[in-house]
Amino acid sequence: MKKSILALAVAAALTTPLAVQADTILYGSARASINYLDQDDNNDFWDVVNDDSRLGVTGSEDLGGGLSAVYQYEFGVDLTEGGNLNSNRPKLVGLKGGFGTLTIGTQETPYYHVAGVTDIFNSSFTFGGDAWLGGFVSDQRGPGSLTRLSNSIFYSTPDFSGFSGEVMLVVDGSVNDAQGFSDSVDIWNIALKYNNGPFFAGISYIALDGDNNVFIDPVTLDFDVDQWTVGLGYAAGPFSVGFIYEQGTVNQYGLVTKASVDGIRIGGDDATNFLLAGSYTFGNNIISAAYGQLDPGTRGEDEIDNYILGYQYNFSKRTRIWAEYVGRSADNVFYSDQNVVSIGTRVDF
């Protein structure tokens, strides 16, 4: 009898943690490609590139009364050169219920949830700092990008027949005050979206709250800047199309636009950008294309033309291969002409 009771106690102890963690999911995506880069400065080379591989856990706990605790830990994994687990990928915790979802941590921005309607390709070269104004400061989707922001508070409303809203506040401590930023809310971002059936429409506005006369030797910068984007999408049957238009100064061009040297302003008008992307699916095959033009808004700097062609073959829902061409025509202080051919593979789990 005692042995039976002991056996039941041991079984309960072993199974309870599993029950608690039943809603925790381990997931990841391994993505790498072989790339040929031909740059305007006669620098052409081959390279093996990690294309935003990641590893994460996500889950929830039912708290009763329609309320749930939600959490996510996601880390960048570099398949090619190390540097694992140190990216600004999503890491968050919060509550979800009839009121919507409220989370804090490092999170995707409402801005990206609108502009990302055109982020349909596989290569990490296709949605960088030259293709959308949300790629400010960093050419890749790193800490300086509007893809994700750390030290953030995020709220999303419930879905109202396809309509929803999102608000993000970035609060990054008093240390920013000495650098020209606010000592309260540094960045705030809102978005309104409609996503119902084949149609998507969204608009987002983001503002960096800071001083407009910050001297960082040898230039004076304006950190009181803002930016907005509109996104439209349609997906039905084998066809999908997405379009974004952006304007503003919360980007690398805007920071230079607002700069001055020895009291002489070197900037110009606000930067603008548009990008049109579409795809067609037949069987396990997907062909995609995109064209966009980014105007840095700085004096004497030409527009940047972006061209993308892609082919993808799906072995299954989790495994694919791709071949993509990424072309850029540019002649300014940030970018020059560049052609990239990327051949890669991706496995999700």
Protein backbone atom coordinates (compact mmCIF):
# COMPACT_ATOMS: atom_id res chain seq x y z
CA MET A 1 0.00 0.00 0.00
CA LYS A 2 2.78 2.38 0.97
CA LYS A 3 4.63 1.47 -2.21
CA SER A 4 1.53 2.29 -4.27
CA ILE A 5 1.14 5.67 -2.55
CA LEU A 6 4.84 6.41 -3.10
CA ALA A 7 4.56 5.45 -6.75
CA LEU A 8 1.57 7.75 -7.23
CA ALA A 9 3.42 10.61 -5.50
CA VAL A 10 6.46 10.16 -7.72
CA ALA A 11 4.28 10.01 -10.81
CA ALA A 12 2.50 13.22 -9.79
CA ALA A 13 5.80 15.00 -9.15
CA LEU A 14 7.09 13.98 -12.56
CA THR A 15 3.97 14.86 -14.51
CA THR A 16 3.11 18.20 -12.86
CA PRO A 17 5.98 20.20 -14.45
CA LEU A 18 5.00 18.78 -17.82
CA ALA A 19 1.43 19.90 -17.34
CA VAL A 20 2.53 23.39 -16.34
CA GLN A 21 4.74 23.65 -19.42
CA ALA A 22 2.24 22.08 -21.81
CA ASP A 23 1.64 25.45 -23.49
CA THR A 24 5.34 26.18 -23.99
CA ILE A 25 6.53 25.73 -27.57
CA LEU A 26 10.14 25.44 -28.72
CA TYR A 27 10.57 26.78 -32.24
CA GLY A 28 13.24 27.98 -34.60
CA SER A 29 14.27 28.71 -38.15
CA ALA A 30 17.61 27.83 -39.76
CA ARG A 31 18.34 30.09 -42.75
CA ALA A 32 21.57 30.40 -44.72
CA SER A 33 22.60 31.26 -48.26
CA ILE A 34 25.51 31.42 -50.67
CA ASN A 35 25.79 34.95 -52.04
CA TYR A 36 27.64 36.67 -54.86
CA LEU A 37 28.02 40.42 -54.33
CA ASP A 38 29.04 42.80 -57.11
CA GLN A 39 29.56 46.33 -55.77
CA ASP A 40 30.15 49.61 -57.61
CA ASP A 41 33.64 50.03 -56.16
CA ASN A 42 34.82 46.97 -58.13
CA ASN A 43 34.65 44.90 -54.98
CA ASP A 44 33.00 41.60 -55.93
CA PHE A 45 33.13 38.45 -53.84
CA TRP A 46 31.38 35.26 -52.68
CA ASP A 47 30.10 34.88 -49.13
CA VAL A 48 28.13 32.44 -47.00
CA VAL A 49 25.49 34.48 -45.16
CA ASN A 50 23.23 33.84 -42.19
CA ASP A 51 19.72 35.09 -43.09
CA ASP A 52 18.10 35.92 -39.75
CA SER A 53 18.16 32.41 -38.24
CA ARG A 54 16.55 32.24 -34.82
CA LEU A 55 15.69 29.98 -31.87
CA GLY A 56 12.92 30.68 -29.38
CA VAL A 57 10.31 29.55 -26.91
CA THR A 58 6.81 30.96 -26.63
CA GLY A 59 3.79 30.09 -24.59
CA SER A 60 0.92 31.07 -22.35
CA GLU A 61 -0.76 30.18 -19.07
CA ASP A 62 -4.52 30.25 -18.59
CA LEU A 63 -5.23 32.41 -15.53
CA GLY A 64 -9.00 31.96 -15.67
CA GLY A 65 -11.76 34.41 -16.49
CA GLY A 66 -10.52 34.81 -20.07
CA LEU A 67 -7.12 36.12 -18.89
CA SER A 68 -3.80 34.56 -19.96
CA ALA A 69 -0.15 35.23 -19.24
CA VAL A 70 1.94 35.27 -22.42
CA TYR A 71 5.70 35.15 -22.93
CA GLN A 72 8.34 34.78 -25.62
CA TYR A 73 12.12 34.45 -25.67
CA GLU A 74 13.67 34.55 -29.15
CA PHE A 75 17.38 34.73 -29.95
CA GLY A 76 19.33 35.24 -33.13
CA VAL A 77 21.42 32.23 -34.14
CA ASP A 78 24.30 32.78 -36.55
CA LEU A 79 24.85 29.63 -38.58
CA THR A 80 27.96 31.00 -40.29
CA GLU A 81 30.20 33.05 -38.00
CA GLY A 82 29.06 32.62 -34.40
CA GLY A 83 27.71 35.53 -32.37
CA ASN A 84 24.74 33.51 -31.18
CA LEU A 85 22.01 34.60 -28.76
CA ASN A 86 22.85 38.32 -28.79
CA SER A 87 20.35 39.89 -31.17
CA ASN A 88 17.39 42.17 -30.54
CA ARG A 89 14.83 39.55 -31.55
CA PRO A 90 11.50 39.50 -29.62
CA LYS A 91 11.65 38.87 -25.87
CA LEU A 92 8.50 39.79 -23.97
CA VAL A 93 6.08 39.03 -21.16
CA GLY A 94 2.56 40.25 -20.52
CA LEU A 95 -1.17 39.63 -20.25
CA LYS A 96 -3.85 38.84 -22.83
CA GLY A 97 -7.61 39.00 -22.39
CA GLY A 98 -10.81 40.60 -23.58
CA PHE A 99 -9.14 44.01 -23.33
CA GLY A 100 -6.44 43.03 -25.84
CA THR A 101 -2.76 42.26 -25.22
CA LEU A 102 -0.31 44.24 -23.07
CA THR A 103 3.38 43.23 -23.08
CA ILE A 104 6.80 44.67 -22.18
CA GLY A 105 10.25 43.80 -23.50
CA THR A 106 11.94 43.82 -26.91
CA GLN A 107 9.17 43.71 -29.50
CA GLU A 108 8.17 44.17 -33.11
CA THR A 109 6.94 47.69 -33.76
CA PRO A 110 3.50 48.78 -35.00
CA TYR A 111 5.43 50.54 -37.78
CA TYR A 112 6.86 47.24 -39.02
CA HIS A 113 3.45 45.57 -38.76
CA VAL A 114 2.34 47.99 -41.50
CA ALA A 115 5.51 48.35 -43.60
CA GLY A 116 6.22 44.60 -43.37
CA VAL A 117 3.45 43.89 -45.86
CA THR A 118 6.22 44.09 -48.51
CA ASP A 119 8.77 42.00 -46.57
CA ILE A 120 8.09 38.80 -48.54
CA PHE A 121 11.57 37.65 -49.57
CA ASN A 122 14.16 35.36 -47.96
CA SER A 123 17.55 37.04 -48.36
CA SER A 124 18.66 39.38 -45.58
CA PHE A 125 19.67 41.87 -48.31
CA THR A 126 16.09 42.47 -49.47
CA PHE A 127 14.66 44.63 -46.67
CA GLY A 128 17.63 46.56 -45.33
CA GLY A 129 18.45 50.22 -44.84
CA ASP A 130 18.28 51.07 -48.55
CA ALA A 131 14.83 49.54 -49.15
CA TRP A 132 12.68 51.14 -46.44
CA LEU A 133 12.98 54.12 -44.11
CA GLY A 134 12.41 51.81 -41.14
CA GLY A 135 15.93 50.46 -41.64
CA PHE A 136 17.43 53.58 -40.07
CA VAL A 137 20.99 53.63 -38.70
CA SER A 138 21.63 49.96 -39.43
CA ASP A 139 21.79 48.40 -42.90
CA GLN A 140 20.53 45.14 -41.43
CA ARG A 141 17.57 44.48 -39.13
CA GLY A 142 19.60 45.04 -35.97
CA PRO A 143 19.25 47.25 -32.87
CA GLY A 144 18.88 50.45 -34.90
CA SER A 145 16.03 49.20 -37.03
CA LEU A 146 12.32 49.94 -36.71
CA THR A 147 11.67 46.20 -37.08
CA ARG A 148 12.01 45.72 -33.31
CA LEU A 149 12.69 48.08 -30.39
CA SER A 150 13.89 47.24 -26.89
CA ASN A 151 12.72 48.73 -23.57
CA SER A 152 9.22 48.90 -25.01
CA ILE A 153 5.63 48.75 -23.78
CA PHE A 154 3.21 47.36 -26.38
CA TYR A 155 -0.58 47.29 -26.43
CA SER A 156 -2.79 45.81 -29.15
CA THR A 157 -6.57 46.00 -29.18
CA PRO A 158 -8.88 43.07 -29.84
CA ASP A 159 -10.00 42.50 -33.40
CA PHE A 160 -13.18 44.41 -34.32
CA SER A 161 -14.42 42.84 -37.57
CA GLY A 162 -10.95 43.20 -39.09
CA PHE A 163 -10.06 46.54 -37.49
CA SER A 164 -7.38 46.76 -34.79
CA GLY A 165 -4.97 49.22 -33.23
CA GLU A 166 -1.49 49.10 -31.71
CA VAL A 167 0.50 51.44 -29.47
CA MET A 168 4.18 51.19 -28.49
CA LEU A 169 6.15 53.34 -26.02
CA VAL A 170 9.93 53.09 -25.65
CA VAL A 171 11.21 54.12 -22.21
CA ASP A 172 14.98 53.85 -22.06
CA GLY A 173 16.04 55.49 -18.81
CA SER A 174 17.57 58.81 -17.84
CA VAL A 175 20.92 58.10 -19.52
CA ASN A 176 19.38 59.17 -22.82
CA ASP A 177 18.69 62.63 -21.46
CA ALA A 178 22.37 63.50 -21.73
CA GLN A 179 22.37 62.36 -25.36
CA GLY A 180 19.50 64.61 -26.40
CA PHE A 181 16.61 62.21 -25.88
CA SER A 182 13.68 62.43 -23.51
CA ASP A 183 14.04 61.30 -19.90
CA SER A 184 10.51 59.83 -20.02
CA VAL A 185 9.07 58.38 -23.26
CA ASP A 186 11.82 58.31 -25.89
CA ILE A 187 9.84 56.87 -28.81
CA TRP A 188 6.11 56.43 -29.32
CA ASN A 189 4.48 54.58 -32.18
CA ILE A 190 0.84 53.99 -33.13
CA ALA A 191 -0.83 52.01 -35.91
CA LEU A 192 -4.35 51.43 -37.20
CA LYS A 193 -4.94 48.33 -39.33
CA TYR A 194 -7.66 46.60 -41.30
CA ASN A 195 -7.03 42.92 -42.07
CA ASN A 196 -10.02 40.99 -43.32
CA GLY A 197 -10.09 38.31 -46.00
CA PRO A 198 -7.82 39.20 -48.90
CA PHE A 199 -7.47 42.87 -47.95
CA PHE A 200 -4.97 44.63 -45.71
CA ALA A 201 -4.64 48.35 -45.05
CA GLY A 202 -2.65 50.10 -42.36
CA ILE A 203 -1.17 53.41 -41.32
CA SER A 204 1.49 54.00 -38.69
CA TYR A 205 3.12 57.08 -37.14
CA ILE A 206 6.30 57.07 -35.07
CA ALA A 207 8.06 59.92 -33.26
CA LEU A 208 11.43 60.20 -31.55
CA ASP A 209 11.02 62.66 -28.68
CA GLY A 210 14.28 64.54 -28.16
CA ASP A 211 16.10 67.84 -28.39
CA ASN A 212 16.47 69.68 -31.69
CA ASN A 213 19.89 71.18 -31.07
CA VAL A 214 22.25 68.44 -29.81
CA PHE A 215 25.97 68.94 -30.36
CA ILE A 216 27.92 65.72 -30.92
CA ASP A 217 31.34 66.79 -32.08
CA PRO A 218 31.70 67.79 -34.89
CA VAL A 219 28.00 68.10 -35.84
CA THR A 220 24.75 69.32 -34.35
CA LEU A 221 21.87 66.85 -34.61
CA ASP A 222 18.10 67.05 -34.26
CA PHE A 223 16.57 64.16 -32.26
CA ASP A 224 13.06 65.62 -32.34
CA VAL A 225 11.88 63.81 -35.48
CA ASP A 226 8.96 61.78 -36.77
CA GLN A 227 7.88 59.50 -39.61
CA TRP A 228 4.79 57.77 -41.03
CA THR A 229 3.94 54.95 -43.41
CA VAL A 230 0.90 53.62 -45.26
CA GLY A 231 0.65 49.98 -46.28
CA LEU A 232 -1.80 48.20 -48.61
CA GLY A 233 -2.04 44.51 -49.36
CA TYR A 234 -4.16 42.03 -51.29
CA ALA A 235 -3.81 38.23 -51.31
CA ALA A 236 -6.28 35.92 -53.05
CA GLY A 237 -5.68 32.57 -54.68
CA PRO A 238 -2.20 32.37 -56.18
CA PHE A 239 -1.66 36.16 -56.27
CA SER A 240 -0.47 38.57 -53.58
CA VAL A 241 0.61 42.20 -53.77
CA GLY A 242 1.81 44.74 -51.21
CA PHE A 243 2.61 48.45 -51.37
CA ILE A 244 4.07 50.91 -48.86
CA TYR A 245 4.75 54.63 -48.90
CA GLU A 246 6.86 56.32 -46.21
CA GLN A 247 7.86 59.85 -45.33
CA GLY A 248 9.79 61.28 -42.41
CA THR A 249 13.06 61.71 -40.60
CA VAL A 250 13.28 58.83 -38.10
CA ASN A 251 15.94 57.17 -40.25
CA GLN A 252 19.62 57.42 -41.03
CA TYR A 253 18.96 59.99 -43.77
CA GLY A 254 16.89 62.12 -41.42
CA LEU A 255 19.63 62.26 -38.81
CA VAL A 256 22.03 63.57 -41.44
CA THR A 257 19.32 65.77 -42.92
CA LYS A 258 19.01 67.50 -39.56
CA ALA A 259 22.77 67.85 -39.09
CA SER A 260 24.84 70.99 -39.42
CA VAL A 261 28.57 71.63 -39.58
CA ASP A 262 29.92 74.98 -38.37
CA GLY A 263 26.39 76.35 -38.46
CA ILE A 264 25.80 75.42 -42.10
CA ARG A 265 22.91 73.01 -42.59
CA ILE A 266 23.74 70.10 -44.89
CA GLY A 267 20.27 68.57 -44.92
CA GLY A 268 17.29 68.92 -47.20
CA ASP A 269 13.68 67.82 -47.26
CA ASP A 270 12.20 64.80 -45.47
CA ALA A 271 13.10 61.40 -46.88
CA THR A 272 10.45 59.46 -48.84
CA ASN A 273 10.18 55.89 -50.02
CA PHE A 274 7.82 53.58 -51.86
CA LEU A 275 8.05 49.83 -52.46
CA LEU A 276 5.75 47.59 -54.51
CA ALA A 277 6.07 43.81 -54.12
CA GLY A 278 4.06 40.90 -55.48
CA SER A 279 4.14 37.13 -55.83
CA TYR A 280 2.50 34.32 -57.79
CA THR A 281 2.20 30.73 -56.49
CA PHE A 282 1.81 27.65 -58.67
CA GLY A 283 2.11 24.24 -57.07
CA ASN A 284 5.15 24.26 -54.78
CA ASN A 285 6.68 27.20 -56.65
CA ILE A 286 6.55 30.91 -55.85
CA ILE A 287 7.91 33.69 -58.07
CA SER A 288 8.21 37.19 -56.59
CA ALA A 289 9.25 40.64 -57.70
CA ALA A 290 9.55 44.11 -56.19
CA TYR A 291 10.52 47.64 -57.21
CA GLY A 292 11.00 50.68 -55.01
CA GLN A 293 12.60 54.10 -54.91
CA LEU A 294 13.99 55.80 -51.83
CA ASP A 295 14.70 59.54 -51.83
CA PRO A 296 17.16 60.36 -49.00
CA GLY A 297 15.98 63.97 -48.94
CA THR A 298 19.53 65.30 -48.60
CA ARG A 299 21.00 67.90 -50.90
CA GLY A 300 22.89 66.57 -53.87
CA GLU A 301 22.02 62.95 -53.16
CA ASP A 302 20.25 60.95 -55.86
CA GLU A 303 17.36 58.57 -55.35
CA ILE A 304 18.02 54.89 -54.64
CA ASP A 305 16.30 52.43 -56.98
CA ASN A 306 15.71 48.91 -55.65
CA TYR A 307 14.93 45.84 -57.75
CA ILE A 308 14.22 42.32 -56.47
CA LEU A 309 13.43 39.08 -58.31
CA GLY A 310 12.90 35.82 -56.47
CA TYR A 311 12.09 32.15 -56.93
CA GLN A 312 11.14 29.82 -54.08
CA TYR A 313 10.45 26.09 -54.06
CA ASN A 314 8.64 24.57 -51.08
CA PHE A 315 9.57 20.97 -50.33
CA SER A 316 7.06 21.11 -47.46
CA LYS A 317 5.43 23.70 -45.19
CA ARG A 318 8.68 23.88 -43.21
CA THR A 319 11.46 23.48 -45.80
CA ARG A 320 12.25 25.63 -48.81
CA ILE A 321 15.05 26.68 -51.14
CA TRP A 322 15.32 30.01 -52.92
CA ALA A 323 17.22 31.99 -55.53
CA GLU A 324 16.93 35.79 -55.39
CA TYR A 325 18.46 38.73 -57.21
CA VAL A 326 18.72 42.03 -55.32
CA GLY A 327 19.73 45.06 -57.37
CA ARG A 328 20.42 48.58 -56.16
CA SER A 329 21.15 51.68 -58.23
CA ALA A 330 22.53 54.43 -55.99
CA ASP A 331 25.17 57.12 -55.80
CA ASN A 332 25.20 58.86 -52.43
CA VAL A 333 27.12 59.03 -49.18
CA PHE A 334 25.46 55.90 -47.78
CA TYR A 335 25.12 53.52 -50.71
CA SER A 336 26.52 52.77 -54.15
CA ASP A 337 25.40 50.43 -56.94
CA GLN A 338 25.17 46.82 -55.84
CA ASN A 339 24.01 43.51 -57.28
CA VAL A 340 23.46 40.44 -55.12
CA VAL A 341 22.59 36.89 -56.14
CA SER A 342 21.48 34.80 -53.16
CA ILE A 343 20.89 31.02 -53.23
CA GLY A 344 19.74 29.65 -49.92
CA THR A 345 17.69 27.27 -47.86
CA ARG A 346 15.40 27.54 -44.86
CA VAL A 347 14.08 24.92 -42.44
CA ASP A 348 11.52 25.86 -39.78
CA PHE A 349 10.72 23.78 -36.73
